[in-house]
All heavy atoms as atom14 arrays in JSON, in Angstrom:
{
  "sequence": "NLIGFSEGEAVIYGIPWCGTSGISQSARHLLGGIVFLKQAVHNK",
  "atom14_mask": [
    [1, 1, 1, 1, 1, 1, 1, 1, 0, 0, 0, 0, 0, 0],
    [1, 1, 1, 1, 1, 1, 1, 1, 0, 0, 0, 0, 0, 0],
    [1, 1, 1, 1, 1, 1, 1, 1, 0, 0, 0, 0, 0, 0],
    [1, 1, 1, 1, 0, 0, 0, 0, 0, 0, 0, 0, 0, 0],
    [1, 1, 1, 1, 1, 1, 1, 1, 1, 1, 1, 0, 0, 0],
    [1, 1, 1, 1, 1, 1, 0, 0, 0, 0, 0, 0, 0, 0],
    [1, 1, 1, 1, 1, 1, 1, 1, 1, 0, 0, 0, 0, 0],
    [1, 1, 1, 1, 0, 0, 0, 0, 0, 0, 0, 0, 0, 0],
    [1, 1, 1, 1, 1, 1, 1, 1, 1, 0, 0, 0, 0, 0],
    [1, 1, 1, 1, 1, 0, 0, 0, 0, 0, 0, 0, 0, 0],
    [1, 1, 1, 1, 1, 1, 1, 0, 0, 0, 0, 0, 0, 0],
    [1, 1, 1, 1, 1, 1, 1, 1, 0, 0, 0, 0, 0, 0],
    [1, 1, 1, 1, 1, 1, 1, 1, 1, 1, 1, 1, 0, 0],
    [1, 1, 1, 1, 0, 0, 0, 0, 0, 0, 0, 0, 0, 0],
    [1, 1, 1, 1, 1, 1, 1, 1, 0, 0, 0, 0, 0, 0],
    [1, 1, 1, 1, 1, 1, 1, 0, 0, 0, 0, 0, 0, 0],
    [1, 1, 1, 1, 1, 1, 1, 1, 1, 1, 1, 1, 1, 1],
    [1, 1, 1, 1, 1, 1, 0, 0, 0, 0, 0, 0, 0, 0],
    [1, 1, 1, 1, 0, 0, 0, 0, 0, 0, 0, 0, 0, 0],
    [1, 1, 1, 1, 1, 1, 1, 0, 0, 0, 0, 0, 0, 0],
    [1, 1, 1, 1, 1, 1, 0, 0, 0, 0, 0, 0, 0, 0],
    [1, 1, 1, 1, 0, 0, 0, 0, 0, 0, 0, 0, 0, 0],
    [1, 1, 1, 1, 1, 1, 1, 1, 0, 0, 0, 0, 0, 0],
    [1, 1, 1, 1, 1, 1, 0, 0, 0, 0, 0, 0, 0, 0],
    [1, 1, 1, 1, 1, 1, 1, 1, 1, 0, 0, 0, 0, 0],
    [1, 1, 1, 1, 1, 1, 0, 0, 0, 0, 0, 0, 0, 0],
    [1, 1, 1, 1, 1, 0, 0, 0, 0, 0, 0, 0, 0, 0],
    [1, 1, 1, 1, 1, 1, 1, 1, 1, 1, 1, 0, 0, 0],
    [1, 1, 1, 1, 1, 1, 1, 1, 1, 1, 0, 0, 0, 0],
    [1, 1, 1, 1, 1, 1, 1, 1, 0, 0, 0, 0, 0, 0],
    [1, 1, 1, 1, 1, 1, 1, 1, 0, 0, 0, 0, 0, 0],
    [1, 1, 1, 1, 0, 0, 0, 0, 0, 0, 0, 0, 0, 0],
    [1, 1, 1, 1, 0, 0, 0, 0, 0, 0, 0, 0, 0, 0],
    [1, 1, 1, 1, 1, 1, 1, 1, 0, 0, 0, 0, 0, 0],
    [1, 1, 1, 1, 1, 1, 1, 0, 0, 0, 0, 0, 0, 0],
    [1, 1, 1, 1, 1, 1, 1, 1, 1, 1, 1, 0, 0, 0],
    [1, 1, 1, 1, 1, 1, 1, 1, 0, 0, 0, 0, 0, 0],
    [1, 1, 1, 1, 1, 1, 1, 1, 1, 0, 0, 0, 0, 0],
    [1, 1, 1, 1, 1, 1, 1, 1, 1, 0, 0, 0, 0, 0],
    [1, 1, 1, 1, 1, 0, 0, 0, 0, 0, 0, 0, 0, 0],
    [1, 1, 1, 1, 1, 1, 1, 0, 0, 0, 0, 0, 0, 0],
    [1, 1, 1, 1, 1, 1, 1, 1, 1, 1, 0, 0, 0, 0],
    [1, 1, 1, 1, 1, 1, 1, 1, 0, 0, 0, 0, 0, 0],
    [1, 1, 1, 1, 1, 1, 1, 1, 1, 0, 0, 0, 0, 0]
  ],
  "atom14_positions": [
    [[28.51, 62.54, 127.22], [28.59, 61.1, 127.01], [30.04, 60.64, 127.04], [30.9, 61.25, 126.41], [27.95, 60.72, 125.68], [26.44, 60.91, 125.69], [25.7, 60.03, 126.12], [25.97, 62.07, 125.24], [0.0, 0.0, 0.0], [0.0, 0.0, 0.0], [0.0, 0.0, 0.0], [0.0, 0.0, 0.0], [0.0, 0.0, 0.0], [0.0, 0.0, 0.0]],
    [[30.27, 59.58, 127.8], [31.62, 59.02, 127.93], [31.78, 57.88, 126.93], [31.02, 56.91, 126.95], [31.85, 58.5, 129.35], [33.28, 58.05, 129.65], [34.19, 59.26, 129.78], [33.33, 57.2, 130.92], [0.0, 0.0, 0.0], [0.0, 0.0, 0.0], [0.0, 0.0, 0.0], [0.0, 0.0, 0.0], [0.0, 0.0, 0.0], [0.0, 0.0, 0.0]],
    [[32.8, 58.0, 126.08], [33.01, 57.05, 124.99], [34.3, 56.28, 125.22], [35.31, 56.83, 125.65], [33.11, 57.79, 123.63], [31.94, 58.76, 123.45], [33.14, 56.78, 122.49], [32.1, 59.67, 122.24], [0.0, 0.0, 0.0], [0.0, 0.0, 0.0], [0.0, 0.0, 0.0], [0.0, 0.0, 0.0], [0.0, 0.0, 0.0], [0.0, 0.0, 0.0]],
    [[34.27, 54.99, 124.92], [35.46, 54.16, 124.99], [35.35, 53.0, 124.03], [34.43, 52.94, 123.19], [0.0, 0.0, 0.0], [0.0, 0.0, 0.0], [0.0, 0.0, 0.0], [0.0, 0.0, 0.0], [0.0, 0.0, 0.0], [0.0, 0.0, 0.0], [0.0, 0.0, 0.0], [0.0, 0.0, 0.0], [0.0, 0.0, 0.0], [0.0, 0.0, 0.0]],
    [[36.27, 52.07, 124.14], [36.25, 50.87, 123.31], [36.15, 49.64, 124.2], [36.79, 49.57, 125.25], [37.51, 50.77, 122.45], [37.64, 51.87, 121.43], [38.63, 52.82, 121.56], [36.77, 51.95, 120.36], [38.77, 53.84, 120.62], [36.88, 52.97, 119.42], [37.88, 53.91, 119.55], [0.0, 0.0, 0.0], [0.0, 0.0, 0.0], [0.0, 0.0, 0.0]],
    [[35.34, 48.68, 123.79], [35.21, 47.43, 124.51], [35.15, 46.3, 123.49], [34.27, 46.3, 122.62], [33.93, 47.43, 125.38], [33.75, 46.18, 126.02], [0.0, 0.0, 0.0], [0.0, 0.0, 0.0], [0.0, 0.0, 0.0], [0.0, 0.0, 0.0], [0.0, 0.0, 0.0], [0.0, 0.0, 0.0], [0.0, 0.0, 0.0], [0.0, 0.0, 0.0]],
    [[36.13, 45.4, 123.58], [36.23, 44.28, 122.64], [36.18, 44.75, 121.19], [35.53, 44.14, 120.34], [35.11, 43.26, 122.92], [35.18, 42.66, 124.31], [34.08, 41.65, 124.57], [33.16, 41.57, 123.73], [34.13, 40.97, 125.6], [0.0, 0.0, 0.0], [0.0, 0.0, 0.0], [0.0, 0.0, 0.0], [0.0, 0.0, 0.0], [0.0, 0.0, 0.0]],
    [[36.87, 45.85, 120.94], [36.98, 46.36, 119.57], [35.81, 47.2, 119.1], [35.85, 47.73, 117.98], [0.0, 0.0, 0.0], [0.0, 0.0, 0.0], [0.0, 0.0, 0.0], [0.0, 0.0, 0.0], [0.0, 0.0, 0.0], [0.0, 0.0, 0.0], [0.0, 0.0, 0.0], [0.0, 0.0, 0.0], [0.0, 0.0, 0.0], [0.0, 0.0, 0.0]],
    [[34.79, 47.33, 119.92], [33.61, 48.1, 119.54], [33.58, 49.42, 120.32], [33.96, 49.48, 121.49], [32.33, 47.32, 119.84], [32.19, 46.02, 119.08], [31.8, 46.23, 117.63], [31.43, 47.37, 117.27], [31.84, 45.26, 116.86], [0.0, 0.0, 0.0], [0.0, 0.0, 0.0], [0.0, 0.0, 0.0], [0.0, 0.0, 0.0], [0.0, 0.0, 0.0]],
    [[33.09, 50.48, 119.66], [32.9, 51.76, 120.35], [31.64, 51.68, 121.2], [30.6, 51.18, 120.76], [32.79, 52.89, 119.35], [0.0, 0.0, 0.0], [0.0, 0.0, 0.0], [0.0, 0.0, 0.0], [0.0, 0.0, 0.0], [0.0, 0.0, 0.0], [0.0, 0.0, 0.0], [0.0, 0.0, 0.0], [0.0, 0.0, 0.0], [0.0, 0.0, 0.0]],
    [[31.74, 52.15, 122.44], [30.61, 52.11, 123.36], [30.53, 53.42, 124.12], [31.49, 54.2, 124.15], [30.75, 50.95, 124.38], [30.76, 49.6, 123.68], [32.02, 51.12, 125.23], [0.0, 0.0, 0.0], [0.0, 0.0, 0.0], [0.0, 0.0, 0.0], [0.0, 0.0, 0.0], [0.0, 0.0, 0.0], [0.0, 0.0, 0.0], [0.0, 0.0, 0.0]],
    [[29.36, 53.68, 124.72], [29.25, 54.78, 125.66], [28.9, 54.2, 127.02], [28.22, 53.18, 127.13], [28.21, 55.85, 125.24], [26.78, 55.31, 125.34], [28.49, 56.39, 123.86], [25.73, 56.4, 125.35], [0.0, 0.0, 0.0], [0.0, 0.0, 0.0], [0.0, 0.0, 0.0], [0.0, 0.0, 0.0], [0.0, 0.0, 0.0], [0.0, 0.0, 0.0]],
    [[29.41, 54.87, 128.04], [29.14, 54.47, 129.43], [28.28, 55.54, 130.08], [28.52, 56.73, 129.92], [30.45, 54.34, 130.2], [31.38, 53.27, 129.69], [32.36, 53.58, 128.75], [31.29, 51.96, 130.14], [33.23, 52.61, 128.28], [32.15, 50.98, 129.68], [33.12, 51.3, 128.74], [33.97, 50.34, 128.28], [0.0, 0.0, 0.0], [0.0, 0.0, 0.0]],
    [[27.3, 55.1, 130.85], [26.46, 56.04, 131.56], [27.24, 56.75, 132.66], [28.01, 56.13, 133.39], [0.0, 0.0, 0.0], [0.0, 0.0, 0.0], [0.0, 0.0, 0.0], [0.0, 0.0, 0.0], [0.0, 0.0, 0.0], [0.0, 0.0, 0.0], [0.0, 0.0, 0.0], [0.0, 0.0, 0.0], [0.0, 0.0, 0.0], [0.0, 0.0, 0.0]],
    [[27.08, 58.05, 132.77], [27.72, 58.86, 133.81], [26.68, 59.81, 134.4], [25.68, 60.14, 133.74], [28.93, 59.65, 133.26], [28.52, 60.55, 132.09], [30.05, 58.71, 132.85], [29.65, 61.42, 131.56], [0.0, 0.0, 0.0], [0.0, 0.0, 0.0], [0.0, 0.0, 0.0], [0.0, 0.0, 0.0], [0.0, 0.0, 0.0], [0.0, 0.0, 0.0]],
    [[26.88, 60.27, 135.62], [25.86, 61.11, 136.26], [25.86, 62.57, 135.82], [24.88, 63.27, 136.06], [26.2, 60.99, 137.75], [27.67, 60.73, 137.77], [27.95, 59.88, 136.56], [0.0, 0.0, 0.0], [0.0, 0.0, 0.0], [0.0, 0.0, 0.0], [0.0, 0.0, 0.0], [0.0, 0.0, 0.0], [0.0, 0.0, 0.0], [0.0, 0.0, 0.0]],
    [[26.96, 63.03, 135.22], [27.02, 64.44, 134.84], [26.24, 64.64, 133.54], [26.49, 63.98, 132.53], [28.47, 64.87, 134.67], [29.22, 64.77, 135.96], [29.21, 65.68, 136.99], [30.05, 63.68, 136.4], [30.0, 65.22, 138.04], [30.52, 64.0, 137.71], [30.44, 62.48, 135.82], [31.37, 63.16, 138.42], [31.27, 61.62, 136.54], [31.73, 61.97, 137.82]],
    [[25.29, 65.56, 133.55], [24.39, 65.72, 132.4], [23.95, 67.16, 132.21], [22.86, 67.41, 131.68], [23.19, 64.79, 132.54], [22.24, 65.04, 134.07], [0.0, 0.0, 0.0], [0.0, 0.0, 0.0], [0.0, 0.0, 0.0], [0.0, 0.0, 0.0], [0.0, 0.0, 0.0], [0.0, 0.0, 0.0], [0.0, 0.0, 0.0], [0.0, 0.0, 0.0]],
    [[24.77, 68.12, 132.67], [24.41, 69.52, 132.51], [23.13, 69.85, 133.27], [22.85, 69.31, 134.34], [0.0, 0.0, 0.0], [0.0, 0.0, 0.0], [0.0, 0.0, 0.0], [0.0, 0.0, 0.0], [0.0, 0.0, 0.0], [0.0, 0.0, 0.0], [0.0, 0.0, 0.0], [0.0, 0.0, 0.0], [0.0, 0.0, 0.0], [0.0, 0.0, 0.0]],
    [[22.35, 70.74, 132.7], [21.09, 71.14, 133.33], [19.91, 70.28, 132.89], [18.79, 70.49, 133.34], [20.77, 72.61, 133.01], [20.67, 72.76, 131.57], [21.86, 73.54, 133.54], [0.0, 0.0, 0.0], [0.0, 0.0, 0.0], [0.0, 0.0, 0.0], [0.0, 0.0, 0.0], [0.0, 0.0, 0.0], [0.0, 0.0, 0.0], [0.0, 0.0, 0.0]],
    [[20.18, 69.29, 132.03], [19.08, 68.48, 131.49], [18.45, 67.6, 132.56], [17.25, 67.28, 132.49], [19.59, 67.6, 130.35], [20.43, 66.56, 130.85], [0.0, 0.0, 0.0], [0.0, 0.0, 0.0], [0.0, 0.0, 0.0], [0.0, 0.0, 0.0], [0.0, 0.0, 0.0], [0.0, 0.0, 0.0], [0.0, 0.0, 0.0], [0.0, 0.0, 0.0]],
    [[19.24, 67.13, 133.53], [18.73, 66.22, 134.53], [18.52, 64.81, 134.01], [17.96, 63.96, 134.71], [0.0, 0.0, 0.0], [0.0, 0.0, 0.0], [0.0, 0.0, 0.0], [0.0, 0.0, 0.0], [0.0, 0.0, 0.0], [0.0, 0.0, 0.0], [0.0, 0.0, 0.0], [0.0, 0.0, 0.0], [0.0, 0.0, 0.0], [0.0, 0.0, 0.0]],
    [[18.99, 64.51, 132.79], [18.76, 63.21, 132.17], [20.08, 62.45, 132.09], [21.02, 62.89, 131.42], [18.16, 63.35, 130.76], [16.85, 64.14, 130.81], [17.94, 61.98, 130.14], [16.3, 64.47, 129.45], [0.0, 0.0, 0.0], [0.0, 0.0, 0.0], [0.0, 0.0, 0.0], [0.0, 0.0, 0.0], [0.0, 0.0, 0.0], [0.0, 0.0, 0.0]],
    [[20.16, 61.31, 132.77], [21.34, 60.46, 132.68], [20.94, 59.04, 133.02], [19.84, 58.79, 133.54], [22.44, 60.94, 133.63], [22.03, 60.78, 134.98], [0.0, 0.0, 0.0], [0.0, 0.0, 0.0], [0.0, 0.0, 0.0], [0.0, 0.0, 0.0], [0.0, 0.0, 0.0], [0.0, 0.0, 0.0], [0.0, 0.0, 0.0], [0.0, 0.0, 0.0]],
    [[21.8, 58.08, 132.72], [21.57, 56.68, 133.04], [22.93, 56.02, 133.24], [23.96, 56.58, 132.91], [20.76, 56.0, 131.94], [21.34, 56.17, 130.53], [22.44, 55.18, 130.21], [22.3, 54.0, 130.47], [23.54, 55.67, 129.64], [0.0, 0.0, 0.0], [0.0, 0.0, 0.0], [0.0, 0.0, 0.0], [0.0, 0.0, 0.0], [0.0, 0.0, 0.0]],
    [[22.93, 54.82, 133.82], [24.19, 54.19, 134.21], [24.62, 53.04, 133.33], [25.66, 52.45, 133.57], [24.07, 53.69, 135.66], [23.0, 52.76, 135.78], [0.0, 0.0, 0.0], [0.0, 0.0, 0.0], [0.0, 0.0, 0.0], [0.0, 0.0, 0.0], [0.0, 0.0, 0.0], [0.0, 0.0, 0.0], [0.0, 0.0, 0.0], [0.0, 0.0, 0.0]],
    [[23.86, 52.7, 132.31], [24.15, 51.52, 131.5], [25.18, 51.8, 130.41], [25.48, 52.95, 130.08], [22.87, 50.98, 130.88], [0.0, 0.0, 0.0], [0.0, 0.0, 0.0], [0.0, 0.0, 0.0], [0.0, 0.0, 0.0], [0.0, 0.0, 0.0], [0.0, 0.0, 0.0], [0.0, 0.0, 0.0], [0.0, 0.0, 0.0], [0.0, 0.0, 0.0]],
    [[25.72, 50.73, 129.85], [26.63, 50.81, 128.71], [25.87, 50.43, 127.44], [25.05, 49.52, 127.45], [27.81, 49.86, 128.9], [28.88, 49.98, 127.83], [29.97, 48.92, 128.0], [29.5, 47.61, 127.57], [30.27, 46.52, 127.57], [31.52, 46.57, 128.01], [29.78, 45.36, 127.15], [0.0, 0.0, 0.0], [0.0, 0.0, 0.0], [0.0, 0.0, 0.0]],
    [[26.18, 51.13, 126.33], [25.52, 50.84, 125.06], [26.53, 50.92, 123.92], [27.5, 51.69, 123.98], [24.4, 51.85, 124.79], [23.31, 51.84, 125.8], [22.3, 50.9, 125.82], [23.06, 52.66, 126.87], [21.48, 51.13, 126.83], [21.93, 52.21, 127.48], [0.0, 0.0, 0.0], [0.0, 0.0, 0.0], [0.0, 0.0, 0.0], [0.0, 0.0, 0.0]],
    [[26.3, 50.13, 122.89], [27.08, 50.27, 121.66], [26.84, 51.66, 121.08], [25.73, 52.2, 121.17], [26.67, 49.21, 120.64], [27.15, 47.78, 120.88], [26.52, 46.84, 119.85], [28.67, 47.7, 120.81], [0.0, 0.0, 0.0], [0.0, 0.0, 0.0], [0.0, 0.0, 0.0], [0.0, 0.0, 0.0], [0.0, 0.0, 0.0], [0.0, 0.0, 0.0]],
    [[27.88, 52.22, 120.5], [27.77, 53.55, 119.89], [27.62, 53.42, 118.39], [28.46, 52.81, 117.71], [29.02, 54.38, 120.22], [29.12, 55.76, 119.57], [27.92, 56.63, 119.94], [30.42, 56.45, 119.97], [0.0, 0.0, 0.0], [0.0, 0.0, 0.0], [0.0, 0.0, 0.0], [0.0, 0.0, 0.0], [0.0, 0.0, 0.0], [0.0, 0.0, 0.0]],
    [[26.51, 53.97, 117.88], [26.28, 53.95, 116.44], [27.03, 55.05, 115.71], [27.68, 54.82, 114.69], [0.0, 0.0, 0.0], [0.0, 0.0, 0.0], [0.0, 0.0, 0.0], [0.0, 0.0, 0.0], [0.0, 0.0, 0.0], [0.0, 0.0, 0.0], [0.0, 0.0, 0.0], [0.0, 0.0, 0.0], [0.0, 0.0, 0.0], [0.0, 0.0, 0.0]],
    [[26.95, 56.28, 116.25], [27.62, 57.37, 115.57], [27.44, 58.7, 116.27], [26.72, 58.81, 117.28], [0.0, 0.0, 0.0], [0.0, 0.0, 0.0], [0.0, 0.0, 0.0], [0.0, 0.0, 0.0], [0.0, 0.0, 0.0], [0.0, 0.0, 0.0], [0.0, 0.0, 0.0], [0.0, 0.0, 0.0], [0.0, 0.0, 0.0], [0.0, 0.0, 0.0]],
    [[28.09, 59.7, 115.7], [28.03, 61.07, 116.2], [27.51, 61.96, 115.07], [27.98, 61.87, 113.93], [29.41, 61.57, 116.65], [29.96, 60.69, 117.77], [29.35, 63.02, 117.1], [31.41, 60.99, 118.13], [0.0, 0.0, 0.0], [0.0, 0.0, 0.0], [0.0, 0.0, 0.0], [0.0, 0.0, 0.0], [0.0, 0.0, 0.0], [0.0, 0.0, 0.0]],
    [[26.57, 62.82, 115.41], [25.99, 63.75, 114.44], [26.25, 65.17, 114.93], [25.84, 65.54, 116.03], [24.47, 63.51, 114.28], [23.89, 64.48, 113.26], [24.2, 62.06, 113.89], [0.0, 0.0, 0.0], [0.0, 0.0, 0.0], [0.0, 0.0, 0.0], [0.0, 0.0, 0.0], [0.0, 0.0, 0.0], [0.0, 0.0, 0.0], [0.0, 0.0, 0.0]],
    [[26.93, 65.95, 114.11], [27.18, 67.34, 114.45], [26.1, 68.2, 113.82], [25.86, 68.14, 112.61], [28.56, 67.77, 113.95], [29.69, 67.06, 114.64], [30.37, 66.02, 114.01], [30.04, 67.4, 115.94], [31.38, 65.35, 114.66], [31.06, 66.74, 116.6], [31.73, 65.71, 115.96], [0.0, 0.0, 0.0], [0.0, 0.0, 0.0], [0.0, 0.0, 0.0]],
    [[25.42, 68.97, 114.66], [24.27, 69.75, 114.23], [24.67, 71.15, 113.81], [25.53, 71.78, 114.43], [23.23, 69.83, 115.35], [22.69, 68.5, 115.88], [21.74, 68.75, 117.04], [22.02, 67.7, 114.78], [0.0, 0.0, 0.0], [0.0, 0.0, 0.0], [0.0, 0.0, 0.0], [0.0, 0.0, 0.0], [0.0, 0.0, 0.0], [0.0, 0.0, 0.0]],
    [[24.02, 71.63, 112.76], [24.2, 73.0, 112.29], [22.85, 73.53, 111.83], [22.18, 72.9, 111.01], [25.21, 73.05, 111.13], [25.45, 74.46, 110.6], [26.44, 74.45, 109.45], [26.67, 75.85, 108.9], [27.63, 75.85, 107.75], [0.0, 0.0, 0.0], [0.0, 0.0, 0.0], [0.0, 0.0, 0.0], [0.0, 0.0, 0.0], [0.0, 0.0, 0.0]],
    [[22.45, 74.67, 112.37], [21.16, 75.24, 111.98], [21.18, 75.64, 110.5], [22.18, 76.16, 110.0], [20.85, 76.46, 112.84], [20.49, 76.11, 114.28], [19.99, 77.31, 115.06], [19.92, 78.42, 114.54], [19.64, 77.09, 116.32], [0.0, 0.0, 0.0], [0.0, 0.0, 0.0], [0.0, 0.0, 0.0], [0.0, 0.0, 0.0], [0.0, 0.0, 0.0]],
    [[20.06, 75.36, 109.84], [19.95, 75.66, 108.41], [18.49, 75.87, 108.04], [17.58, 75.63, 108.84], [20.55, 74.53, 107.58], [0.0, 0.0, 0.0], [0.0, 0.0, 0.0], [0.0, 0.0, 0.0], [0.0, 0.0, 0.0], [0.0, 0.0, 0.0], [0.0, 0.0, 0.0], [0.0, 0.0, 0.0], [0.0, 0.0, 0.0], [0.0, 0.0, 0.0]],
    [[18.27, 76.29, 106.82], [16.91, 76.51, 106.32], [16.29, 75.19, 105.89], [15.07, 74.98, 106.02], [16.93, 77.51, 105.15], [15.52, 77.69, 104.58], [17.5, 78.85, 105.6], [0.0, 0.0, 0.0], [0.0, 0.0, 0.0], [0.0, 0.0, 0.0], [0.0, 0.0, 0.0], [0.0, 0.0, 0.0], [0.0, 0.0, 0.0], [0.0, 0.0, 0.0]],
    [[17.13, 74.29, 105.36], [16.64, 72.99, 104.9], [17.36, 71.88, 105.65], [18.45, 72.08, 106.19], [16.85, 72.84, 103.39], [16.21, 73.92, 102.58], [14.84, 74.03, 102.42], [16.76, 74.96, 101.9], [14.57, 75.08, 101.67], [15.71, 75.68, 101.34], [0.0, 0.0, 0.0], [0.0, 0.0, 0.0], [0.0, 0.0, 0.0], [0.0, 0.0, 0.0]],
    [[16.76, 70.68, 105.63], [17.32, 69.55, 106.36], [18.06, 68.62, 105.41], [17.49, 68.12, 104.44], [16.2, 68.76, 107.05], [15.46, 69.6, 108.08], [16.04, 70.04, 109.06], [14.18, 69.84, 107.83], [0.0, 0.0, 0.0], [0.0, 0.0, 0.0], [0.0, 0.0, 0.0], [0.0, 0.0, 0.0], [0.0, 0.0, 0.0], [0.0, 0.0, 0.0]],
    [[19.33, 68.38, 105.72], [20.09, 67.4, 104.94], [21.31, 66.93, 105.73], [21.86, 67.67, 106.55], [20.53, 67.97, 103.6], [21.55, 69.09, 103.68], [22.01, 69.49, 102.28], [23.07, 70.61, 102.36], [23.57, 70.98, 101.02], [0.0, 0.0, 0.0], [0.0, 0.0, 0.0], [0.0, 0.0, 0.0], [0.0, 0.0, 0.0], [0.0, 0.0, 0.0]]
  ]
}
């Protein structure tokens, strides 16, 4: 995901590179946040 700023807001821009997933789109969207995942026994 390509991240930048537009009018003071964080946004993502659609790009064609998407690894082996084959899933991408070309639109721009406001960015809510980033979540870093770590495997665990319980969810929190």
